[in-house]
Amino acid sequence: MMKTFSRAPSSMGLWAALRPVALGAVLLGSVLSLSGCFPLAAGGALVTGMVASDRRSSGTQLEDKNIEIKAAFQVRQNIGERAHVSVNSYNRQVLITGEVPSAQDKALAEKLVKDVENVSTVLNELGVMGNSSFSERSSDLVTNGRVTAAIFDAKDLTTNAFKIVTERGVVYVMGRVTAREAKRVTEVVTGVPGVKKMVRVLEVITEDELARLVPPAPQK
């Protein structure tokens, strides 16, 4: 298998109509997060992903959640309220997004995350700038919903294979996928209005590995 961190520029174009149920669920959850009812991610970035039919084992899913909780706690303890940091883990690949006031804080956040038990790799996408505003996070909410619905509408993609994180208009796509799926999801995401840039945080597996992870549906 191969891990890839890559960026794809946004391209505007025709975009299929959103499926109301999928988009509504994402927007409702994100609105509640913005209002402080419950977090969608350890640090506040807008995230979507499903546990059912996940390509990670249940043990790995639990491990990823523990990584997110422990890393976010360390960041809060050592950097505090002066930064807006989100930590997302998929198969022990950790993505850090958000904003910090200095390069020193950015480096510190990365070190704190790397020191968490079971972390494999870290992609540090923190911006050295002021914290994003409520309106910017609301815009991310909408973009995140559009991206999720677009993947849902793509008949040749499985929504559960991806974890979507949106920060300042940049869409990060995490998951364990084949090269075919990686190419296709890039086409779908970069065609969604509001996506400024796409960053692929993907673990690329072979078609044979996918077949072992996802057995074919039984014949009726």
N, C-alpha and C. Protein backbone atom coordinates (compact mmCIF):
# COMPACT_ATOMS: atom_id res chain seq x y z
N MET A 1 0.84 -1.19 0.00
CA MET A 1 0.00 0.00 0.00
C MET A 1 0.87 1.24 0.00
N MET A 2 0.31 2.35 -0.41
CA MET A 2 1.06 3.59 -0.51
C MET A 2 0.28 4.72 0.13
N LYS A 3 0.97 5.59 0.86
CA LYS A 3 0.33 6.76 1.46
C LYS A 3 0.65 7.97 0.62
N THR A 4 -0.33 8.82 0.45
CA THR A 4 -0.12 9.99 -0.39
C THR A 4 -0.71 11.23 0.24
N PHE A 5 0.08 12.31 0.28
CA PHE A 5 -0.42 13.62 0.66
C PHE A 5 -0.29 14.46 -0.61
N SER A 6 -1.39 14.79 -1.24
CA SER A 6 -1.30 15.57 -2.48
C SER A 6 -2.42 16.58 -2.55
N ARG A 7 -2.19 17.63 -3.37
CA ARG A 7 -3.15 18.70 -3.51
C ARG A 7 -3.68 18.74 -4.92
N ALA A 8 -4.96 19.08 -5.03
CA ALA A 8 -5.57 19.24 -6.35
C ALA A 8 -6.24 20.60 -6.40
N PRO A 9 -5.99 21.42 -7.45
CA PRO A 9 -6.64 22.71 -7.54
C PRO A 9 -8.13 22.57 -7.78
N SER A 10 -8.90 23.53 -7.28
CA SER A 10 -10.34 23.51 -7.48
C SER A 10 -10.67 23.84 -8.92
N SER A 11 -11.68 23.16 -9.49
CA SER A 11 -12.16 23.49 -10.83
C SER A 11 -13.66 23.60 -10.80
N MET A 12 -14.21 24.71 -11.27
CA MET A 12 -15.65 24.92 -11.27
C MET A 12 -16.25 24.14 -12.43
N GLY A 13 -17.49 23.83 -12.36
CA GLY A 13 -18.18 23.10 -13.42
C GLY A 13 -19.55 22.72 -12.95
N LEU A 14 -20.23 21.93 -13.73
CA LEU A 14 -21.56 21.49 -13.37
C LEU A 14 -21.47 20.56 -12.17
N TRP A 15 -22.38 20.74 -11.28
CA TRP A 15 -22.40 19.91 -10.07
C TRP A 15 -23.80 19.38 -9.87
N ALA A 16 -23.94 18.09 -9.68
CA ALA A 16 -25.26 17.47 -9.53
C ALA A 16 -25.98 18.05 -8.33
N ALA A 17 -27.29 18.07 -8.39
CA ALA A 17 -28.10 18.60 -7.29
C ALA A 17 -27.84 17.79 -6.03
N LEU A 18 -27.79 18.48 -4.89
CA LEU A 18 -27.53 17.82 -3.62
C LEU A 18 -28.68 16.92 -3.24
N ARG A 19 -28.35 15.79 -2.64
CA ARG A 19 -29.40 14.94 -2.09
C ARG A 19 -29.85 15.59 -0.77
N PRO A 20 -31.11 15.98 -0.64
CA PRO A 20 -31.55 16.75 0.53
C PRO A 20 -31.30 16.06 1.85
N VAL A 21 -31.51 14.75 1.92
CA VAL A 21 -31.35 14.07 3.20
C VAL A 21 -29.90 14.07 3.64
N ALA A 22 -28.99 13.75 2.72
CA ALA A 22 -27.57 13.71 3.07
C ALA A 22 -27.07 15.08 3.49
N LEU A 23 -27.38 16.10 2.71
CA LEU A 23 -26.94 17.44 3.03
C LEU A 23 -27.56 17.94 4.32
N GLY A 24 -28.84 17.66 4.50
CA GLY A 24 -29.52 18.12 5.71
C GLY A 24 -28.89 17.54 6.96
N ALA A 25 -28.52 16.27 6.92
CA ALA A 25 -27.91 15.65 8.09
C ALA A 25 -26.57 16.29 8.42
N VAL A 26 -25.78 16.54 7.38
CA VAL A 26 -24.47 17.16 7.60
C VAL A 26 -24.63 18.57 8.15
N LEU A 27 -25.52 19.36 7.55
CA LEU A 27 -25.69 20.73 7.99
C LEU A 27 -26.25 20.81 9.40
N LEU A 28 -27.18 19.93 9.74
CA LEU A 28 -27.74 19.94 11.09
C LEU A 28 -26.66 19.65 12.11
N GLY A 29 -25.85 18.61 11.85
CA GLY A 29 -24.78 18.28 12.79
C GLY A 29 -23.78 19.41 12.92
N SER A 30 -23.46 20.06 11.80
CA SER A 30 -22.47 21.12 11.83
C SER A 30 -23.00 22.36 12.53
N VAL A 31 -24.29 22.68 12.34
CA VAL A 31 -24.89 23.82 13.02
C VAL A 31 -24.84 23.62 14.53
N LEU A 32 -25.15 22.40 14.95
CA LEU A 32 -25.09 22.11 16.38
C LEU A 32 -23.67 22.26 16.89
N SER A 33 -22.68 21.85 16.08
CA SER A 33 -21.30 22.00 16.49
C SER A 33 -20.92 23.47 16.64
N LEU A 34 -21.32 24.28 15.68
CA LEU A 34 -20.97 25.70 15.74
C LEU A 34 -21.65 26.39 16.91
N SER A 35 -22.82 25.89 17.30
CA SER A 35 -23.52 26.50 18.42
C SER A 35 -23.01 26.00 19.76
N GLY A 36 -22.09 25.02 19.72
CA GLY A 36 -21.48 24.53 20.95
C GLY A 36 -22.20 23.36 21.57
N CYS A 37 -23.16 22.75 20.84
CA CYS A 37 -23.90 21.63 21.42
C CYS A 37 -23.05 20.37 21.50
N PHE A 38 -22.28 20.08 20.46
CA PHE A 38 -21.36 18.97 20.53
C PHE A 38 -20.33 19.13 19.43
N PRO A 39 -19.09 18.58 19.63
CA PRO A 39 -18.05 18.75 18.61
C PRO A 39 -18.14 17.68 17.55
N LEU A 40 -17.86 18.06 16.30
CA LEU A 40 -17.74 17.09 15.22
C LEU A 40 -16.31 16.61 15.08
N ALA A 41 -15.37 17.33 15.64
CA ALA A 41 -13.97 16.94 15.57
C ALA A 41 -13.28 17.37 16.84
N ALA A 42 -12.11 16.79 17.07
CA ALA A 42 -11.42 17.06 18.32
C ALA A 42 -11.12 18.53 18.50
N GLY A 43 -10.85 19.25 17.42
CA GLY A 43 -10.47 20.64 17.56
C GLY A 43 -11.42 21.63 16.94
N GLY A 44 -12.43 21.19 16.22
CA GLY A 44 -13.41 22.13 15.71
C GLY A 44 -13.57 22.18 14.21
N ALA A 45 -12.72 21.56 13.41
CA ALA A 45 -12.91 21.56 11.96
C ALA A 45 -14.17 20.78 11.63
N LEU A 46 -14.75 21.09 10.49
CA LEU A 46 -15.96 20.39 10.08
C LEU A 46 -15.60 19.07 9.42
N VAL A 47 -16.18 17.99 9.92
CA VAL A 47 -15.78 16.65 9.51
C VAL A 47 -17.01 15.82 9.24
N THR A 48 -16.93 14.96 8.24
CA THR A 48 -17.97 13.96 8.07
C THR A 48 -17.31 12.61 7.86
N GLY A 49 -17.94 11.57 8.36
CA GLY A 49 -17.46 10.22 8.19
C GLY A 49 -18.44 9.28 8.86
N MET A 50 -18.48 8.04 8.45
CA MET A 50 -19.44 7.10 9.00
C MET A 50 -18.69 5.89 9.54
N VAL A 51 -19.21 5.34 10.64
CA VAL A 51 -18.58 4.18 11.26
C VAL A 51 -18.97 2.91 10.53
N ALA A 52 -20.23 2.80 10.14
CA ALA A 52 -20.71 1.59 9.47
C ALA A 52 -19.96 1.39 8.17
N SER A 53 -19.55 0.14 7.89
CA SER A 53 -18.86 -0.21 6.65
C SER A 53 -17.54 0.52 6.49
N ASP A 54 -16.97 0.99 7.57
CA ASP A 54 -15.67 1.66 7.53
C ASP A 54 -14.62 0.64 7.11
N ARG A 55 -13.64 1.09 6.35
CA ARG A 55 -12.58 0.19 5.88
C ARG A 55 -11.50 -0.04 6.92
N ARG A 56 -11.61 0.62 8.06
CA ARG A 56 -10.75 0.34 9.19
C ARG A 56 -11.43 -0.68 10.09
N SER A 57 -10.66 -1.46 10.82
CA SER A 57 -11.25 -2.36 11.80
C SER A 57 -11.86 -1.53 12.93
N SER A 58 -12.74 -2.15 13.70
CA SER A 58 -13.34 -1.43 14.82
C SER A 58 -12.27 -1.01 15.82
N GLY A 59 -11.24 -1.86 15.96
CA GLY A 59 -10.14 -1.52 16.87
C GLY A 59 -9.37 -0.30 16.40
N THR A 60 -9.14 -0.21 15.09
CA THR A 60 -8.42 0.94 14.54
C THR A 60 -9.26 2.20 14.64
N GLN A 61 -10.57 2.08 14.44
CA GLN A 61 -11.45 3.24 14.59
C GLN A 61 -11.37 3.78 16.02
N LEU A 62 -11.37 2.88 16.98
CA LEU A 62 -11.28 3.29 18.39
C LEU A 62 -9.91 3.92 18.67
N GLU A 63 -8.87 3.33 18.08
CA GLU A 63 -7.52 3.87 18.25
C GLU A 63 -7.43 5.29 17.68
N ASP A 64 -8.03 5.50 16.50
CA ASP A 64 -8.03 6.83 15.89
C ASP A 64 -8.74 7.84 16.78
N LYS A 65 -9.86 7.43 17.34
CA LYS A 65 -10.59 8.34 18.23
C LYS A 65 -9.76 8.69 19.46
N ASN A 66 -9.08 7.69 20.01
CA ASN A 66 -8.23 7.95 21.18
C ASN A 66 -7.08 8.90 20.83
N ILE A 67 -6.51 8.74 19.65
CA ILE A 67 -5.45 9.64 19.19
C ILE A 67 -5.98 11.07 19.13
N GLU A 68 -7.15 11.26 18.54
CA GLU A 68 -7.74 12.58 18.42
C GLU A 68 -7.97 13.22 19.79
N ILE A 69 -8.51 12.45 20.72
CA ILE A 69 -8.81 12.98 22.05
C ILE A 69 -7.53 13.35 22.80
N LYS A 70 -6.55 12.44 22.78
CA LYS A 70 -5.30 12.68 23.51
C LYS A 70 -4.53 13.85 22.90
N ALA A 71 -4.47 13.91 21.57
CA ALA A 71 -3.73 14.97 20.90
C ALA A 71 -4.39 16.33 21.15
N ALA A 72 -5.71 16.37 21.04
CA ALA A 72 -6.43 17.63 21.27
C ALA A 72 -6.24 18.11 22.70
N PHE A 73 -6.22 17.18 23.64
CA PHE A 73 -6.02 17.55 25.04
C PHE A 73 -4.63 18.16 25.23
N GLN A 74 -3.62 17.54 24.64
CA GLN A 74 -2.25 18.05 24.77
C GLN A 74 -2.12 19.44 24.15
N VAL A 75 -2.76 19.64 23.02
CA VAL A 75 -2.70 20.95 22.37
C VAL A 75 -3.38 22.01 23.23
N ARG A 76 -4.54 21.67 23.77
CA ARG A 76 -5.25 22.63 24.64
C ARG A 76 -4.43 22.96 25.88
N GLN A 77 -3.81 21.96 26.46
CA GLN A 77 -3.03 22.16 27.68
C GLN A 77 -1.81 23.03 27.44
N ASN A 78 -1.18 22.91 26.28
CA ASN A 78 0.09 23.57 26.02
C ASN A 78 -0.01 24.83 25.17
N ILE A 79 -1.06 24.95 24.40
CA ILE A 79 -1.23 26.14 23.54
C ILE A 79 -2.43 26.97 23.98
N GLY A 80 -3.48 26.29 24.40
CA GLY A 80 -4.62 26.98 24.98
C GLY A 80 -5.51 27.70 23.99
N GLU A 81 -6.18 28.74 24.49
CA GLU A 81 -7.20 29.44 23.73
C GLU A 81 -6.65 30.37 22.67
N ARG A 82 -5.34 30.57 22.64
CA ARG A 82 -4.79 31.49 21.65
C ARG A 82 -4.79 30.89 20.24
N ALA A 83 -5.14 29.61 20.12
CA ALA A 83 -5.13 28.95 18.82
C ALA A 83 -6.43 28.21 18.59
N HIS A 84 -6.72 27.93 17.32
CA HIS A 84 -7.86 27.10 16.92
C HIS A 84 -7.27 25.91 16.17
N VAL A 85 -7.18 24.76 16.84
CA VAL A 85 -6.50 23.59 16.27
C VAL A 85 -7.46 22.41 16.25
N SER A 86 -7.50 21.74 15.10
CA SER A 86 -8.32 20.54 14.95
C SER A 86 -7.42 19.37 14.61
N VAL A 87 -7.68 18.23 15.25
CA VAL A 87 -6.88 17.02 15.03
C VAL A 87 -7.80 15.91 14.53
N ASN A 88 -7.47 15.35 13.39
CA ASN A 88 -8.25 14.23 12.83
C ASN A 88 -7.31 13.10 12.46
N SER A 89 -7.68 11.89 12.87
CA SER A 89 -6.85 10.72 12.61
C SER A 89 -7.63 9.70 11.80
N TYR A 90 -6.98 9.14 10.78
CA TYR A 90 -7.57 8.06 9.99
C TYR A 90 -6.49 7.01 9.76
N ASN A 91 -6.71 5.83 10.35
CA ASN A 91 -5.75 4.73 10.25
C ASN A 91 -4.36 5.18 10.73
N ARG A 92 -4.35 5.99 11.79
CA ARG A 92 -3.16 6.50 12.47
C ARG A 92 -2.40 7.54 11.66
N GLN A 93 -2.95 7.96 10.52
CA GLN A 93 -2.45 9.14 9.83
C GLN A 93 -3.18 10.35 10.42
N VAL A 94 -2.44 11.32 10.92
CA VAL A 94 -3.06 12.43 11.64
C VAL A 94 -2.93 13.73 10.85
N LEU A 95 -4.05 14.42 10.71
CA LEU A 95 -4.12 15.70 10.03
C LEU A 95 -4.37 16.79 11.08
N ILE A 96 -3.53 17.82 11.07
CA ILE A 96 -3.72 18.96 11.97
C ILE A 96 -4.10 20.17 11.12
N THR A 97 -5.24 20.78 11.43
CA THR A 97 -5.68 21.97 10.70
C THR A 97 -6.08 23.06 11.70
N GLY A 98 -6.26 24.27 11.17
CA GLY A 98 -6.67 25.38 12.02
C GLY A 98 -5.69 26.53 11.93
N GLU A 99 -5.66 27.33 12.98
CA GLU A 99 -4.81 28.52 12.99
C GLU A 99 -4.08 28.66 14.33
N VAL A 100 -2.83 29.09 14.24
CA VAL A 100 -2.04 29.37 15.44
C VAL A 100 -1.36 30.73 15.25
N PRO A 101 -1.02 31.42 16.34
CA PRO A 101 -0.46 32.79 16.22
C PRO A 101 0.99 32.86 15.81
N SER A 102 1.74 31.74 15.89
CA SER A 102 3.17 31.82 15.59
C SER A 102 3.69 30.51 15.01
N ALA A 103 4.84 30.61 14.34
CA ALA A 103 5.49 29.42 13.80
C ALA A 103 5.92 28.48 14.93
N GLN A 104 6.27 29.07 16.08
CA GLN A 104 6.66 28.24 17.23
C GLN A 104 5.48 27.40 17.71
N ASP A 105 4.29 28.00 17.73
CA ASP A 105 3.11 27.24 18.14
C ASP A 105 2.79 26.14 17.13
N LYS A 106 2.99 26.43 15.86
CA LYS A 106 2.75 25.41 14.82
C LYS A 106 3.67 24.22 15.03
N ALA A 107 4.94 24.48 15.27
CA ALA A 107 5.90 23.41 15.50
C ALA A 107 5.59 22.65 16.79
N LEU A 108 5.18 23.38 17.82
CA LEU A 108 4.85 22.74 19.09
C LEU A 108 3.65 21.82 18.93
N ALA A 109 2.63 22.27 18.22
CA ALA A 109 1.44 21.44 18.01
C ALA A 109 1.81 20.14 17.30
N GLU A 110 2.65 20.24 16.29
CA GLU A 110 3.07 19.04 15.56
C GLU A 110 3.82 18.07 16.47
N LYS A 111 4.72 18.60 17.29
CA LYS A 111 5.47 17.74 18.21
C LYS A 111 4.55 17.06 19.21
N LEU A 112 3.60 17.81 19.74
CA LEU A 112 2.67 17.24 20.71
C LEU A 112 1.87 16.10 20.10
N VAL A 113 1.46 16.27 18.85
CA VAL A 113 0.68 15.22 18.18
C VAL A 113 1.55 14.01 17.87
N LYS A 114 2.76 14.25 17.39
CA LYS A 114 3.66 13.14 17.07
C LYS A 114 3.98 12.30 18.28
N ASP A 115 3.98 12.93 19.45
CA ASP A 115 4.33 12.22 20.68
C ASP A 115 3.18 11.35 21.22
N VAL A 116 2.00 11.48 20.64
CA VAL A 116 0.87 10.67 21.10
C VAL A 116 1.08 9.21 20.67
N GLU A 117 0.78 8.30 21.56
CA GLU A 117 0.96 6.87 21.29
C GLU A 117 0.17 6.43 20.05
N ASN A 118 0.79 5.60 19.23
CA ASN A 118 0.19 4.96 18.05
C ASN A 118 0.08 5.86 16.82
N VAL A 119 0.53 7.10 16.89
CA VAL A 119 0.50 7.97 15.72
C VAL A 119 1.55 7.49 14.72
N SER A 120 1.14 7.32 13.46
CA SER A 120 2.05 6.86 12.42
C SER A 120 2.70 8.02 11.69
N THR A 121 1.88 8.88 11.08
CA THR A 121 2.39 10.04 10.35
C THR A 121 1.54 11.26 10.69
N VAL A 122 2.12 12.45 10.50
CA VAL A 122 1.42 13.70 10.79
C VAL A 122 1.54 14.64 9.60
N LEU A 123 0.42 15.20 9.17
CA LEU A 123 0.41 16.26 8.16
C LEU A 123 -0.03 17.53 8.86
N ASN A 124 0.89 18.48 8.96
CA ASN A 124 0.63 19.73 9.69
C ASN A 124 0.19 20.81 8.71
N GLU A 125 -1.10 21.11 8.69
CA GLU A 125 -1.67 22.11 7.78
C GLU A 125 -2.13 23.36 8.53
N LEU A 126 -1.56 23.59 9.71
CA LEU A 126 -1.91 24.77 10.48
C LEU A 126 -1.46 26.04 9.77
N GLY A 127 -2.32 27.06 9.80
CA GLY A 127 -1.96 28.35 9.26
C GLY A 127 -1.49 29.27 10.38
N VAL A 128 -0.42 30.02 10.13
CA VAL A 128 0.05 31.00 11.12
C VAL A 128 -0.69 32.29 10.84
N MET A 129 -1.77 32.50 11.59
CA MET A 129 -2.68 33.63 11.35
C MET A 129 -3.69 33.69 12.49
N GLY A 130 -4.56 34.70 12.44
CA GLY A 130 -5.62 34.79 13.43
C GLY A 130 -6.64 33.69 13.25
N ASN A 131 -7.37 33.40 14.32
CA ASN A 131 -8.39 32.35 14.26
C ASN A 131 -9.47 32.68 13.25
N SER A 132 -9.98 31.66 12.58
CA SER A 132 -11.05 31.86 11.61
C SER A 132 -12.30 32.38 12.30
N SER A 133 -13.09 33.15 11.57
CA SER A 133 -14.29 33.76 12.12
C SER A 133 -15.48 32.80 12.06
N PHE A 134 -16.56 33.19 12.73
CA PHE A 134 -17.78 32.38 12.70
C PHE A 134 -18.31 32.27 11.28
N SER A 135 -18.25 33.35 10.52
CA SER A 135 -18.75 33.32 9.14
C SER A 135 -17.91 32.40 8.28
N GLU A 136 -16.60 32.37 8.49
CA GLU A 136 -15.73 31.47 7.73
C GLU A 136 -16.04 30.02 8.07
N ARG A 137 -16.27 29.75 9.34
CA ARG A 137 -16.59 28.37 9.74
C ARG A 137 -17.97 27.97 9.23
N SER A 138 -18.88 28.94 9.15
CA SER A 138 -20.21 28.66 8.58
C SER A 138 -20.10 28.33 7.10
N SER A 139 -19.22 29.04 6.39
CA SER A 139 -18.99 28.75 4.97
C SER A 139 -18.39 27.36 4.80
N ASP A 140 -17.48 27.00 5.71
CA ASP A 140 -16.91 25.65 5.66
C ASP A 140 -18.00 24.60 5.88
N LEU A 141 -18.94 24.92 6.74
CA LEU A 141 -20.07 24.03 7.00
C LEU A 141 -20.81 23.70 5.71
N VAL A 142 -21.11 24.72 4.93
CA VAL A 142 -21.84 24.53 3.68
C VAL A 142 -21.00 23.75 2.68
N THR A 143 -19.74 24.11 2.55
CA THR A 143 -18.86 23.42 1.61
C THR A 143 -18.72 21.95 1.98
N ASN A 144 -18.57 21.69 3.27
CA ASN A 144 -18.43 20.32 3.74
C ASN A 144 -19.66 19.49 3.37
N GLY A 145 -20.84 20.09 3.54
CA GLY A 145 -22.07 19.40 3.19
C GLY A 145 -22.17 19.12 1.70
N ARG A 146 -21.78 20.10 0.90
CA ARG A 146 -21.82 19.93 -0.56
C ARG A 146 -20.88 18.81 -1.01
N VAL A 147 -19.68 18.78 -0.45
CA VAL A 147 -18.71 17.76 -0.83
C VAL A 147 -19.22 16.37 -0.45
N THR A 148 -19.74 16.24 0.76
CA THR A 148 -20.25 14.95 1.21
C THR A 148 -21.39 14.47 0.32
N ALA A 149 -22.29 15.38 -0.01
CA ALA A 149 -23.42 15.01 -0.86
C ALA A 149 -22.97 14.65 -2.26
N ALA A 150 -21.95 15.35 -2.78
CA ALA A 150 -21.44 15.05 -4.12
C ALA A 150 -20.82 13.66 -4.17
N ILE A 151 -20.08 13.29 -3.12
CA ILE A 151 -19.51 11.95 -3.07
C ILE A 151 -20.62 10.91 -2.94
N PHE A 152 -21.63 11.24 -2.16
CA PHE A 152 -22.77 10.36 -1.99
C PHE A 152 -23.47 10.11 -3.33
N ASP A 153 -23.56 11.15 -4.15
CA ASP A 153 -24.24 11.05 -5.44
C ASP A 153 -23.41 10.32 -6.49
N ALA A 154 -22.11 10.23 -6.28
CA ALA A 154 -21.25 9.54 -7.26
C ALA A 154 -21.45 8.04 -7.12
N LYS A 155 -22.00 7.43 -8.14
CA LYS A 155 -22.36 6.01 -8.05
C LYS A 155 -21.16 5.09 -7.96
N ASP A 156 -19.99 5.57 -8.39
CA ASP A 156 -18.79 4.73 -8.38
C ASP A 156 -17.90 5.00 -7.17
N LEU A 157 -18.42 5.70 -6.16
CA LEU A 157 -17.68 5.93 -4.92
C LEU A 157 -18.51 5.48 -3.72
N THR A 158 -17.81 5.08 -2.66
CA THR A 158 -18.47 4.67 -1.42
C THR A 158 -18.23 5.74 -0.37
N THR A 159 -19.30 6.39 0.07
CA THR A 159 -19.18 7.49 1.03
C THR A 159 -18.41 7.09 2.27
N ASN A 160 -18.64 5.88 2.75
CA ASN A 160 -18.02 5.43 3.99
C ASN A 160 -16.52 5.25 3.89
N ALA A 161 -15.99 5.27 2.67
CA ALA A 161 -14.55 5.09 2.49
C ALA A 161 -13.76 6.37 2.78
N PHE A 162 -14.48 7.49 2.95
CA PHE A 162 -13.81 8.78 3.06
C PHE A 162 -14.18 9.50 4.36
N LYS A 163 -13.23 10.26 4.85
CA LYS A 163 -13.46 11.20 5.95
C LYS A 163 -13.11 12.58 5.42
N ILE A 164 -14.07 13.50 5.47
CA ILE A 164 -13.91 14.82 4.87
C ILE A 164 -13.72 15.86 5.97
N VAL A 165 -12.68 16.67 5.82
CA VAL A 165 -12.39 17.76 6.75
C VAL A 165 -12.30 19.05 5.94
N THR A 166 -13.01 20.09 6.36
CA THR A 166 -12.98 21.37 5.64
C THR A 166 -12.50 22.48 6.57
N GLU A 167 -11.51 23.22 6.11
CA GLU A 167 -10.94 24.32 6.91
C GLU A 167 -10.57 25.47 5.97
N ARG A 168 -11.21 26.62 6.19
CA ARG A 168 -10.95 27.83 5.38
C ARG A 168 -11.09 27.57 3.88
N GLY A 169 -12.08 26.78 3.51
CA GLY A 169 -12.35 26.50 2.11
C GLY A 169 -11.49 25.40 1.51
N VAL A 170 -10.53 24.90 2.26
CA VAL A 170 -9.69 23.80 1.79
C VAL A 170 -10.31 22.49 2.26
N VAL A 171 -10.50 21.57 1.34
CA VAL A 171 -11.12 20.28 1.66
C VAL A 171 -10.05 19.20 1.71
N TYR A 172 -9.95 18.55 2.86
CA TYR A 172 -9.01 17.45 3.05
C TYR A 172 -9.79 16.14 2.98
N VAL A 173 -9.31 15.24 2.15
CA VAL A 173 -9.99 13.96 1.97
C VAL A 173 -9.10 12.86 2.52
N MET A 174 -9.58 12.18 3.56
CA MET A 174 -8.84 11.10 4.20
C MET A 174 -9.52 9.78 3.87
N GLY A 175 -8.76 8.69 3.91
CA GLY A 175 -9.37 7.39 3.68
C GLY A 175 -8.38 6.36 3.18
N ARG A 176 -8.88 5.12 3.04
CA ARG A 176 -8.12 4.01 2.44
C ARG A 176 -8.81 3.66 1.13
N VAL A 177 -8.18 3.98 0.03
CA VAL A 177 -8.84 3.85 -1.27
C VAL A 177 -7.87 3.32 -2.32
N THR A 178 -8.43 2.86 -3.43
CA THR A 178 -7.60 2.44 -4.56
C THR A 178 -7.21 3.67 -5.38
N ALA A 179 -6.25 3.50 -6.28
CA ALA A 179 -5.84 4.60 -7.15
C ALA A 179 -7.01 5.07 -7.99
N ARG A 180 -7.85 4.14 -8.40
CA ARG A 180 -9.04 4.50 -9.18
C ARG A 180 -9.97 5.39 -8.37
N GLU A 181 -10.20 5.03 -7.12
CA GLU A 181 -11.08 5.83 -6.26
C GLU A 181 -10.47 7.19 -5.95
N ALA A 182 -9.14 7.22 -5.76
CA ALA A 182 -8.47 8.49 -5.46
C ALA A 182 -8.63 9.46 -6.63
N LYS A 183 -8.47 8.96 -7.84
CA LYS A 183 -8.63 9.81 -9.02
C LYS A 183 -10.06 10.30 -9.16
N ARG A 184 -11.00 9.41 -8.93
CA ARG A 184 -12.41 9.76 -9.10
C ARG A 184 -12.86 10.77 -8.04
N VAL A 185 -12.45 10.58 -6.79
CA VAL A 185 -12.89 11.50 -5.74
C VAL A 185 -12.29 12.88 -5.96
N THR A 186 -11.10 12.93 -6.55
CA THR A 186 -10.49 14.22 -6.88
C THR A 186 -11.34 14.96 -7.90
N GLU A 187 -11.82 14.24 -8.92
CA GLU A 187 -12.68 14.84 -9.93
C GLU A 187 -13.97 15.37 -9.32
N VAL A 188 -14.54 14.59 -8.39
CA VAL A 188 -15.81 14.98 -7.78
C VAL A 188 -15.64 16.20 -6.88
N VAL A 189 -14.66 16.15 -5.99
CA VAL A 189 -14.49 17.20 -4.99
C VAL A 189 -14.10 18.53 -5.63
N THR A 190 -13.19 18.51 -6.59
CA THR A 190 -12.74 19.76 -7.19
C THR A 190 -13.80 20.40 -8.08
N GLY A 191 -14.88 19.67 -8.36
CA GLY A 191 -15.98 20.25 -9.12
C GLY A 191 -17.09 20.85 -8.27
N VAL A 192 -16.91 20.81 -6.94
CA VAL A 192 -17.93 21.32 -6.03
C VAL A 192 -17.73 22.82 -5.78
N PRO A 193 -18.77 23.64 -5.95
CA PRO A 193 -18.66 25.08 -5.66
C PRO A 193 -18.21 25.33 -4.22
N GLY A 194 -17.32 26.29 -4.04
CA GLY A 194 -16.86 26.65 -2.70
C GLY A 194 -15.56 26.00 -2.30
N VAL A 195 -15.11 24.99 -3.06
CA VAL A 195 -13.85 24.32 -2.74
C VAL A 195 -12.70 25.13 -3.33
N LYS A 196 -11.89 25.70 -2.46
CA LYS A 196 -10.74 26.50 -2.91
C LYS A 196 -9.57 25.61 -3.33
N LYS A 197 -9.42 24.51 -2.62
CA LYS A 197 -8.32 23.59 -2.88
C LYS A 197 -8.67 22.26 -2.24
N MET A 198 -8.17 21.19 -2.83
CA MET A 198 -8.35 19.86 -2.25
C MET A 198 -7.00 19.29 -1.88
N VAL A 199 -6.91 18.69 -0.70
CA VAL A 199 -5.69 18.01 -0.26
C VAL A 199 -6.04 16.56 0.03
N ARG A 200 -5.36 15.66 -0.65
CA ARG A 200 -5.62 14.23 -0.46
C ARG A 200 -4.70 13.68 0.63
N VAL A 201 -5.31 13.16 1.68
CA VAL A 201 -4.56 12.52 2.77
C VAL A 201 -4.98 11.06 2.75
N LEU A 202 -4.55 10.38 1.72
CA LEU A 202 -5.07 9.05 1.41
C LEU A 202 -4.02 7.96 1.56
N GLU A 203 -4.50 6.80 1.99
CA GLU A 203 -3.69 5.59 1.98
C GLU A 203 -4.17 4.78 0.78
N VAL A 204 -3.31 4.65 -0.22
CA VAL A 204 -3.70 3.98 -1.46
C VAL A 204 -3.44 2.49 -1.35
N ILE A 205 -4.48 1.70 -1.60
CA ILE A 205 -4.40 0.25 -1.55
C ILE A 205 -4.70 -0.32 -2.93
N THR A 206 -4.38 -1.58 -3.12
CA THR A 206 -4.64 -2.22 -4.41
C THR A 206 -6.09 -2.68 -4.49
N GLU A 207 -6.52 -3.01 -5.70
CA GLU A 207 -7.87 -3.53 -5.88
C GLU A 207 -8.05 -4.86 -5.14
N ASP A 208 -6.98 -5.67 -5.09
CA ASP A 208 -7.04 -6.94 -4.36
C ASP A 208 -7.22 -6.71 -2.87
N GLU A 209 -6.50 -5.72 -2.33
CA GLU A 209 -6.65 -5.39 -0.91
C GLU A 209 -8.06 -4.91 -0.62
N LEU A 210 -8.61 -4.11 -1.54
CA LEU A 210 -9.98 -3.63 -1.37
C LEU A 210 -10.96 -4.79 -1.35
N ALA A 211 -10.77 -5.76 -2.24
CA ALA A 211 -11.66 -6.92 -2.30
C ALA A 211 -11.64 -7.70 -0.99
N ARG A 212 -10.48 -7.75 -0.34
CA ARG A 212 -10.39 -8.45 0.95
C ARG A 212 -11.04 -7.65 2.06
N LEU A 213 -10.96 -6.31 1.97
CA LEU A 213 -11.56 -5.44 2.99
C LEU A 213 -13.08 -5.41 2.87
N VAL A 214 -13.56 -5.41 1.63
CA VAL A 214 -15.00 -5.27 1.37
C VAL A 214 -15.46 -6.46 0.55
N PRO A 215 -15.88 -7.54 1.18
CA PRO A 215 -16.34 -8.70 0.44
C PRO A 215 -17.53 -8.36 -0.44
N PRO A 216 -17.68 -9.01 -1.59
CA PRO A 216 -18.82 -8.72 -2.46
C PRO A 216 -20.14 -9.05 -1.79
N ALA A 217 -21.17 -8.30 -2.16
CA ALA A 217 -22.50 -8.53 -1.59
C ALA A 217 -23.02 -9.89 -2.03
N PRO A 218 -23.73 -10.61 -1.15
CA PRO A 218 -24.26 -11.92 -1.52
C PRO A 218 -25.26 -11.83 -2.65
N GLN A 219 -25.23 -12.81 -3.52
CA GLN A 219 -26.18 -12.86 -4.64
C GLN A 219 -27.58 -13.18 -4.14
N LYS A 220 -28.57 -12.46 -4.68
CA LYS A 220 -29.95 -12.72 -4.29
C LYS A 220 -30.56 -13.83 -5.14
